[in-house]
Amino acid sequence: MGYYTYFDLEVESNTDQDNSELIEALVNTYEEARCAIDDDGHPYDEAKWYDHQDNMKEFSKLFPIALFSLSGEGEEQGDIWVEYYQNGKMQEAMAKITYEEFDVNKLK
């Protein structure tokens, strides 16, 4: 069994390396990443990448000026998040679902 998540990775880098090269290096370094994302950082399939935080912190140290944004959508409703990694550090942001206020003028 286990908990499945869809992962998506974006990279902002001011290095000489192409962003796709960084993503390719990541998926070649961590087997779980290879099962989670393709060489463009898009979801390969739902995956059990339990060590993604440790892996991303470690990997981001190799490219300290690159900003890695890893987003995920888990199997439980509302489990949507993005994590930012740079030089071995991480910031996590959970999604906030909000509804528009009632507006009588929008009634049809």
N, C-alpha and C. Protein backbone atom coordinates (compact mmCIF):
# COMPACT_ATOMS: atom_id res chain seq x y z
N MET A 1 0.85 -1.17 0.00
CA MET A 1 0.00 0.00 0.00
C MET A 1 0.90 1.23 0.00
N GLY A 2 0.51 2.28 0.65
CA GLY A 2 1.31 3.49 0.69
C GLY A 2 0.51 4.70 0.26
N TYR A 3 1.14 5.84 0.30
CA TYR A 3 0.49 7.09 -0.05
C TYR A 3 1.09 7.61 -1.35
N TYR A 4 0.23 7.85 -2.32
CA TYR A 4 0.67 8.30 -3.63
C TYR A 4 0.49 9.81 -3.79
N THR A 5 1.43 10.42 -4.49
CA THR A 5 1.41 11.85 -4.77
C THR A 5 1.84 12.08 -6.21
N TYR A 6 1.24 13.07 -6.85
CA TYR A 6 1.71 13.54 -8.14
C TYR A 6 2.66 14.71 -7.88
N PHE A 7 3.87 14.62 -8.39
CA PHE A 7 4.89 15.65 -8.19
C PHE A 7 5.14 16.41 -9.49
N ASP A 8 5.48 17.69 -9.35
CA ASP A 8 5.83 18.53 -10.50
C ASP A 8 6.98 19.43 -10.05
N LEU A 9 8.03 19.53 -10.86
CA LEU A 9 9.22 20.29 -10.48
C LEU A 9 9.52 21.37 -11.49
N GLU A 10 9.76 22.58 -10.99
CA GLU A 10 10.21 23.69 -11.81
C GLU A 10 11.53 24.19 -11.24
N VAL A 11 12.39 24.73 -12.11
CA VAL A 11 13.69 25.22 -11.69
C VAL A 11 13.89 26.63 -12.23
N GLU A 12 14.34 27.51 -11.37
CA GLU A 12 14.77 28.84 -11.78
C GLU A 12 16.26 28.90 -11.47
N SER A 13 17.05 29.08 -12.51
CA SER A 13 18.49 29.01 -12.31
C SER A 13 19.20 30.11 -13.07
N ASN A 14 20.22 30.64 -12.46
CA ASN A 14 21.09 31.62 -13.12
C ASN A 14 22.45 31.00 -13.38
N THR A 15 22.47 29.70 -13.58
CA THR A 15 23.73 29.00 -13.83
C THR A 15 23.91 28.80 -15.32
N ASP A 16 25.07 28.28 -15.68
CA ASP A 16 25.34 27.98 -17.09
C ASP A 16 24.58 26.75 -17.55
N GLN A 17 24.08 25.97 -16.60
CA GLN A 17 23.36 24.75 -16.97
C GLN A 17 21.92 25.07 -17.32
N ASP A 18 21.42 24.35 -18.28
CA ASP A 18 20.02 24.45 -18.67
C ASP A 18 19.17 23.83 -17.56
N ASN A 19 18.00 24.40 -17.32
CA ASN A 19 17.11 23.88 -16.27
C ASN A 19 16.77 22.41 -16.49
N SER A 20 16.59 22.02 -17.74
CA SER A 20 16.26 20.61 -18.02
C SER A 20 17.43 19.70 -17.66
N GLU A 21 18.66 20.21 -17.75
CA GLU A 21 19.82 19.41 -17.34
C GLU A 21 19.82 19.17 -15.84
N LEU A 22 19.40 20.17 -15.08
CA LEU A 22 19.32 20.02 -13.63
C LEU A 22 18.26 18.99 -13.25
N ILE A 23 17.12 19.05 -13.91
CA ILE A 23 16.04 18.08 -13.63
C ILE A 23 16.49 16.68 -14.01
N GLU A 24 17.14 16.55 -15.16
CA GLU A 24 17.64 15.25 -15.59
C GLU A 24 18.67 14.70 -14.59
N ALA A 25 19.53 15.56 -14.08
CA ALA A 25 20.51 15.12 -13.07
C ALA A 25 19.80 14.63 -11.81
N LEU A 26 18.73 15.31 -11.41
CA LEU A 26 17.97 14.90 -10.23
C LEU A 26 17.36 13.52 -10.41
N VAL A 27 16.70 13.30 -11.55
CA VAL A 27 16.05 12.00 -11.75
C VAL A 27 17.07 10.88 -11.95
N ASN A 28 18.26 11.22 -12.37
CA ASN A 28 19.31 10.21 -12.49
C ASN A 28 20.00 9.93 -11.16
N THR A 29 19.82 10.82 -10.18
CA THR A 29 20.44 10.66 -8.87
C THR A 29 19.56 9.87 -7.91
N TYR A 30 18.26 10.09 -7.96
CA TYR A 30 17.33 9.47 -7.00
C TYR A 30 16.31 8.62 -7.75
N GLU A 31 16.29 7.34 -7.44
CA GLU A 31 15.39 6.41 -8.12
C GLU A 31 13.93 6.80 -7.94
N GLU A 32 13.58 7.25 -6.72
CA GLU A 32 12.19 7.63 -6.46
C GLU A 32 11.78 8.83 -7.32
N ALA A 33 12.73 9.75 -7.55
CA ALA A 33 12.44 10.91 -8.40
C ALA A 33 12.18 10.46 -9.83
N ARG A 34 12.93 9.47 -10.28
CA ARG A 34 12.76 8.95 -11.64
C ARG A 34 11.37 8.36 -11.83
N CYS A 35 10.81 7.80 -10.76
CA CYS A 35 9.46 7.23 -10.83
C CYS A 35 8.38 8.30 -10.72
N ALA A 36 8.76 9.49 -10.19
CA ALA A 36 7.78 10.54 -9.91
C ALA A 36 7.67 11.58 -11.02
N ILE A 37 8.81 11.99 -11.59
CA ILE A 37 8.80 13.06 -12.59
C ILE A 37 9.61 12.65 -13.82
N ASP A 38 9.23 13.25 -14.95
CA ASP A 38 9.98 12.98 -16.18
C ASP A 38 11.14 13.97 -16.30
N ASP A 39 11.86 13.91 -17.40
CA ASP A 39 13.04 14.77 -17.59
C ASP A 39 12.70 16.25 -17.72
N ASP A 40 11.42 16.58 -17.89
CA ASP A 40 10.99 17.97 -17.95
C ASP A 40 10.44 18.45 -16.61
N GLY A 41 10.39 17.56 -15.61
CA GLY A 41 9.89 17.91 -14.30
C GLY A 41 8.40 17.70 -14.11
N HIS A 42 7.73 17.22 -15.14
CA HIS A 42 6.28 16.99 -15.05
C HIS A 42 6.01 15.61 -14.44
N PRO A 43 4.79 15.44 -13.90
CA PRO A 43 4.49 14.14 -13.29
C PRO A 43 4.66 13.00 -14.28
N TYR A 44 5.45 12.03 -13.87
CA TYR A 44 5.59 10.81 -14.67
C TYR A 44 4.41 9.90 -14.38
N ASP A 45 4.10 9.77 -13.13
CA ASP A 45 2.97 8.99 -12.65
C ASP A 45 2.85 9.29 -11.17
N GLU A 46 1.76 8.87 -10.55
CA GLU A 46 1.69 9.02 -9.11
C GLU A 46 2.79 8.17 -8.50
N ALA A 47 3.37 8.66 -7.41
CA ALA A 47 4.55 7.98 -6.88
C ALA A 47 4.58 8.06 -5.36
N LYS A 48 5.39 7.18 -4.79
CA LYS A 48 5.68 7.17 -3.36
C LYS A 48 7.12 7.65 -3.19
N TRP A 49 7.32 8.94 -3.18
CA TRP A 49 8.66 9.52 -3.02
C TRP A 49 8.74 10.08 -1.60
N TYR A 50 8.84 9.17 -0.64
CA TYR A 50 8.78 9.55 0.77
C TYR A 50 9.96 10.42 1.20
N ASP A 51 11.11 10.26 0.60
CA ASP A 51 12.31 11.01 0.98
C ASP A 51 12.52 12.26 0.14
N HIS A 52 11.47 12.76 -0.50
CA HIS A 52 11.66 13.88 -1.43
C HIS A 52 12.25 15.12 -0.73
N GLN A 53 11.86 15.39 0.51
CA GLN A 53 12.39 16.58 1.18
C GLN A 53 13.90 16.44 1.43
N ASP A 54 14.31 15.30 1.96
CA ASP A 54 15.74 15.08 2.19
C ASP A 54 16.52 15.08 0.88
N ASN A 55 15.96 14.42 -0.15
CA ASN A 55 16.63 14.37 -1.45
C ASN A 55 16.78 15.75 -2.06
N MET A 56 15.71 16.54 -2.00
CA MET A 56 15.75 17.88 -2.60
C MET A 56 16.68 18.81 -1.84
N LYS A 57 16.71 18.72 -0.52
CA LYS A 57 17.65 19.55 0.26
C LYS A 57 19.09 19.21 -0.12
N GLU A 58 19.38 17.92 -0.18
CA GLU A 58 20.72 17.46 -0.54
C GLU A 58 21.09 17.88 -1.95
N PHE A 59 20.18 17.68 -2.89
CA PHE A 59 20.45 18.00 -4.29
C PHE A 59 20.62 19.50 -4.50
N SER A 60 19.80 20.30 -3.80
CA SER A 60 19.87 21.75 -4.00
C SER A 60 21.21 22.32 -3.52
N LYS A 61 21.91 21.63 -2.64
CA LYS A 61 23.24 22.08 -2.22
C LYS A 61 24.25 22.03 -3.36
N LEU A 62 24.01 21.14 -4.32
CA LEU A 62 24.91 21.01 -5.46
C LEU A 62 24.80 22.20 -6.41
N PHE A 63 23.67 22.89 -6.38
CA PHE A 63 23.41 24.04 -7.25
C PHE A 63 22.84 25.16 -6.38
N PRO A 64 23.67 25.78 -5.55
CA PRO A 64 23.19 26.68 -4.49
C PRO A 64 22.43 27.92 -4.95
N ILE A 65 22.63 28.37 -6.18
CA ILE A 65 21.88 29.57 -6.60
C ILE A 65 20.59 29.22 -7.34
N ALA A 66 20.38 27.95 -7.63
CA ALA A 66 19.14 27.52 -8.29
C ALA A 66 18.01 27.46 -7.27
N LEU A 67 16.81 27.82 -7.71
CA LEU A 67 15.61 27.70 -6.90
C LEU A 67 14.76 26.58 -7.48
N PHE A 68 14.53 25.56 -6.69
CA PHE A 68 13.72 24.41 -7.10
C PHE A 68 12.34 24.55 -6.46
N SER A 69 11.29 24.46 -7.26
CA SER A 69 9.92 24.51 -6.77
C SER A 69 9.27 23.16 -7.05
N LEU A 70 9.05 22.38 -6.00
CA LEU A 70 8.45 21.06 -6.14
C LEU A 70 7.02 21.15 -5.61
N SER A 71 6.06 20.87 -6.48
CA SER A 71 4.67 20.89 -6.04
C SER A 71 4.14 19.46 -6.02
N GLY A 72 3.14 19.27 -5.19
CA GLY A 72 2.57 17.94 -5.06
C GLY A 72 1.09 17.98 -4.82
N GLU A 73 0.43 16.93 -5.28
CA GLU A 73 -0.99 16.74 -5.01
C GLU A 73 -1.17 15.29 -4.58
N GLY A 74 -1.49 15.11 -3.29
CA GLY A 74 -1.64 13.79 -2.72
C GLY A 74 -3.02 13.20 -2.98
N GLU A 75 -3.20 11.98 -2.53
CA GLU A 75 -4.46 11.30 -2.80
C GLU A 75 -5.59 11.76 -1.89
N GLU A 76 -5.28 12.40 -0.77
CA GLU A 76 -6.33 12.92 0.11
C GLU A 76 -6.79 14.28 -0.39
N GLN A 77 -8.09 14.53 -0.31
CA GLN A 77 -8.64 15.80 -0.76
C GLN A 77 -8.00 16.96 -0.01
N GLY A 78 -7.54 17.97 -0.74
CA GLY A 78 -6.95 19.15 -0.14
C GLY A 78 -5.46 19.05 0.12
N ASP A 79 -4.86 17.89 -0.16
CA ASP A 79 -3.42 17.73 0.05
C ASP A 79 -2.68 18.26 -1.17
N ILE A 80 -2.58 19.58 -1.23
CA ILE A 80 -1.93 20.28 -2.34
C ILE A 80 -0.91 21.24 -1.73
N TRP A 81 0.31 21.20 -2.22
CA TRP A 81 1.37 22.00 -1.62
C TRP A 81 2.45 22.32 -2.64
N VAL A 82 3.31 23.24 -2.25
CA VAL A 82 4.53 23.53 -3.01
C VAL A 82 5.64 23.71 -1.98
N GLU A 83 6.81 23.20 -2.34
CA GLU A 83 7.99 23.35 -1.50
C GLU A 83 9.08 24.01 -2.33
N TYR A 84 9.76 24.97 -1.72
CA TYR A 84 10.84 25.69 -2.39
C TYR A 84 12.15 25.25 -1.76
N TYR A 85 13.13 24.95 -2.59
CA TYR A 85 14.44 24.50 -2.12
C TYR A 85 15.54 25.37 -2.73
N GLN A 86 16.45 25.78 -1.87
CA GLN A 86 17.62 26.51 -2.35
C GLN A 86 18.76 26.30 -1.36
N ASN A 87 19.88 25.83 -1.88
CA ASN A 87 21.11 25.64 -1.11
C ASN A 87 20.88 24.86 0.19
N GLY A 88 20.14 23.77 0.09
CA GLY A 88 19.94 22.88 1.23
C GLY A 88 18.86 23.29 2.20
N LYS A 89 18.14 24.36 1.89
CA LYS A 89 17.07 24.83 2.77
C LYS A 89 15.73 24.70 2.06
N MET A 90 14.65 24.64 2.88
CA MET A 90 13.33 24.40 2.32
C MET A 90 12.29 25.32 2.95
N GLN A 91 11.34 25.74 2.13
CA GLN A 91 10.14 26.44 2.60
C GLN A 91 8.95 25.65 2.07
N GLU A 92 7.98 25.37 2.93
CA GLU A 92 6.79 24.62 2.52
C GLU A 92 5.57 25.54 2.57
N ALA A 93 4.71 25.43 1.57
CA ALA A 93 3.48 26.22 1.52
C ALA A 93 2.32 25.31 1.14
N MET A 94 1.35 25.23 2.04
CA MET A 94 0.16 24.42 1.77
C MET A 94 -0.87 25.28 1.02
N ALA A 95 -1.65 24.63 0.17
CA ALA A 95 -2.69 25.35 -0.58
C ALA A 95 -3.79 25.79 0.36
N LYS A 96 -4.37 26.93 0.06
CA LYS A 96 -5.52 27.43 0.80
C LYS A 96 -6.67 27.55 -0.18
N ILE A 97 -7.73 26.83 0.09
CA ILE A 97 -8.89 26.86 -0.79
C ILE A 97 -9.87 27.87 -0.23
N THR A 98 -10.24 28.85 -1.04
CA THR A 98 -11.17 29.89 -0.61
C THR A 98 -12.33 29.98 -1.60
N TYR A 99 -13.42 30.52 -1.12
CA TYR A 99 -14.60 30.71 -1.96
C TYR A 99 -14.90 32.19 -2.08
N GLU A 100 -15.39 32.55 -3.23
CA GLU A 100 -15.81 33.92 -3.48
C GLU A 100 -16.99 34.26 -2.59
N GLU A 101 -17.03 35.50 -2.13
CA GLU A 101 -18.15 35.97 -1.31
C GLU A 101 -19.43 36.00 -2.15
N PHE A 102 -20.57 35.89 -1.48
CA PHE A 102 -21.86 35.97 -2.15
C PHE A 102 -22.04 37.36 -2.74
N ASP A 103 -22.53 37.40 -3.99
CA ASP A 103 -22.82 38.66 -4.66
C ASP A 103 -24.17 38.51 -5.35
N VAL A 104 -25.17 39.22 -4.87
CA VAL A 104 -26.52 39.11 -5.41
C VAL A 104 -26.56 39.44 -6.91
N ASN A 105 -25.66 40.27 -7.38
CA ASN A 105 -25.62 40.65 -8.79
C ASN A 105 -25.17 39.53 -9.70
N LYS A 106 -24.63 38.49 -9.13
CA LYS A 106 -24.17 37.34 -9.93
C LYS A 106 -25.22 36.25 -10.03
N LEU A 107 -26.37 36.43 -9.37
CA LEU A 107 -27.43 35.44 -9.47
C LEU A 107 -27.99 35.46 -10.89
N LYS A 108 -28.24 34.28 -11.43
CA LYS A 108 -28.75 34.18 -12.80
C LYS A 108 -30.10 33.53 -12.81
